[in-house]
Amino acid sequence: MPSTETEIAPRPTLEPYRSRTAEHDTREPGCVVIVDVRFDGPDPARRRDWADAVFEALGTDPKPASGGIAAHFHVGTDGARVVNHAVWETARAHVDALASVGGGGVGAPTPQ
């Protein structure tokens, strides 16, 4: 008779690293986008460097996306993962920001 026990592989845990939220922002979140970045092999410095670079780009963006409310970066305890919980006013605001990459939207190069 087959075993009824199921073995579940442990998931790497995440720890908060950096967050960005506009002070006194009273907008209601309507959409959360999970950005899950995996690196080849564990490298805690590289994952933090990547999160820092994205964080800096968000802070120096000359045309920030109008619907973005917050970004919360978490790093994996396995050393190979960064997760960003990006909070938006609406799903449409996020889609519009991605669509404007060629015009300087989310993901476009920034001056730094």
Protein backbone atom coordinates (compact mmCIF):
# COMPACT_ATOMS: atom_id res chain seq x y z
CA MET A 1 0.00 0.00 0.00
CA PRO A 2 1.42 3.45 -0.90
CA SER A 3 2.39 5.79 1.88
CA THR A 4 -0.06 8.54 2.73
CA GLU A 5 2.69 10.80 4.04
CA THR A 6 3.86 13.58 1.78
CA GLU A 7 7.31 15.02 2.10
CA ILE A 8 7.45 18.73 1.42
CA ALA A 9 10.79 20.31 0.68
CA PRO A 10 11.54 23.24 2.97
CA ARG A 11 11.13 26.61 1.32
CA PRO A 12 13.81 29.22 1.76
CA THR A 13 12.60 31.96 4.02
CA LEU A 14 12.71 35.67 3.29
CA GLU A 15 13.86 38.47 5.53
CA PRO A 16 12.93 42.14 5.07
CA TYR A 17 15.77 44.21 3.62
CA ARG A 18 14.60 47.64 2.41
CA SER A 19 11.30 49.42 1.87
CA ARG A 20 10.25 52.59 0.12
CA THR A 21 6.91 54.25 0.81
CA ALA A 22 6.07 57.88 0.24
CA GLU A 23 5.63 59.66 3.55
CA HIS A 24 2.02 60.64 4.26
CA ASP A 25 0.79 58.72 1.21
CA THR A 26 -2.92 58.08 1.75
CA ARG A 27 -3.66 56.24 -1.49
CA GLU A 28 -5.37 52.88 -1.18
CA PRO A 29 -3.47 49.91 -2.64
CA GLY A 30 -5.37 48.16 -5.39
CA CYS A 31 -2.68 45.80 -6.69
CA VAL A 32 0.39 44.01 -5.34
CA VAL A 33 2.96 42.75 -7.81
CA ILE A 34 5.47 40.15 -6.68
CA VAL A 35 8.84 40.39 -8.40
CA ASP A 36 10.83 37.22 -7.65
CA VAL A 37 14.46 37.34 -8.80
CA ARG A 38 16.60 34.21 -8.58
CA PHE A 39 20.38 34.29 -8.86
CA ASP A 40 22.69 31.49 -9.95
CA GLY A 41 23.95 30.12 -6.68
CA PRO A 42 24.02 31.71 -3.25
CA ASP A 43 25.70 35.10 -3.04
CA PRO A 44 24.30 37.31 -0.25
CA ALA A 45 26.33 40.35 -1.37
CA ARG A 46 25.08 40.13 -4.94
CA ARG A 47 21.40 39.91 -3.91
CA ARG A 48 21.74 42.96 -1.64
CA ASP A 49 23.68 44.86 -4.32
CA TRP A 50 20.90 44.14 -6.81
CA ALA A 51 18.19 45.28 -4.39
CA ASP A 52 20.23 48.41 -3.57
CA ALA A 53 20.61 49.23 -7.29
CA VAL A 54 16.86 48.89 -7.89
CA PHE A 55 16.14 50.92 -4.75
CA GLU A 56 18.50 53.68 -5.94
CA ALA A 57 16.93 53.66 -9.41
CA LEU A 58 13.48 54.09 -7.86
CA GLY A 59 14.74 56.99 -5.77
CA THR A 60 16.42 58.83 -8.64
CA ASP A 61 13.90 58.13 -11.38
CA PRO A 62 13.24 61.46 -13.15
CA LYS A 63 9.73 60.30 -14.12
CA PRO A 64 8.48 57.92 -11.43
CA ALA A 65 5.35 55.94 -12.24
CA SER A 66 2.37 57.81 -10.86
CA GLY A 67 0.54 54.71 -9.62
CA GLY A 68 3.38 53.25 -7.57
CA ILE A 69 2.78 53.38 -3.82
CA ALA A 70 5.53 51.28 -2.23
CA ALA A 71 8.27 48.74 -2.81
CA HIS A 72 9.29 46.24 -0.14
CA PHE A 73 12.45 44.23 -0.82
CA HIS A 74 13.08 40.93 0.94
CA VAL A 75 16.19 38.77 0.57
CA GLY A 76 16.17 34.99 0.73
CA THR A 77 18.03 33.30 3.52
CA ASP A 78 19.31 30.89 0.88
CA GLY A 79 21.40 33.75 -0.57
CA ALA A 80 20.03 33.27 -4.07
CA ARG A 81 16.76 35.20 -4.13
CA VAL A 82 15.29 38.71 -3.87
CA VAL A 83 11.55 39.32 -3.70
CA ASN A 84 9.99 42.75 -4.18
CA HIS A 85 6.40 43.31 -3.09
CA ALA A 86 5.52 46.26 -5.30
CA VAL A 87 2.33 48.06 -4.22
CA TRP A 88 0.29 49.93 -6.85
CA GLU A 89 -2.90 51.96 -6.87
CA THR A 90 -4.38 49.71 -9.56
CA ALA A 91 -3.35 46.87 -11.84
CA ARG A 92 -3.82 49.28 -14.77
CA ALA A 93 -1.27 51.69 -13.24
CA HIS A 94 1.27 48.87 -13.13
CA VAL A 95 0.54 47.75 -16.70
CA ASP A 96 0.79 51.34 -17.93
CA ALA A 97 4.13 51.80 -16.13
CA LEU A 98 5.55 48.67 -17.76
CA ALA A 99 4.25 49.73 -21.18
CA SER A 100 6.07 53.06 -20.90
CA VAL A 101 9.55 51.53 -20.48
CA GLY A 102 10.68 52.94 -23.83
CA GLY A 103 9.51 56.34 -22.69
CA GLY A 104 11.24 56.21 -19.32
CA GLY A 105 8.81 54.08 -17.29
CA VAL A 106 9.43 51.26 -14.84
CA GLY A 107 12.52 49.32 -15.85
CA ALA A 108 13.98 52.09 -18.03
CA PRO A 109 17.56 53.22 -17.45
CA THR A 110 18.02 56.00 -14.89
CA PRO A 111 20.81 58.61 -14.74
CA GLN A 112 22.93 56.87 -12.10
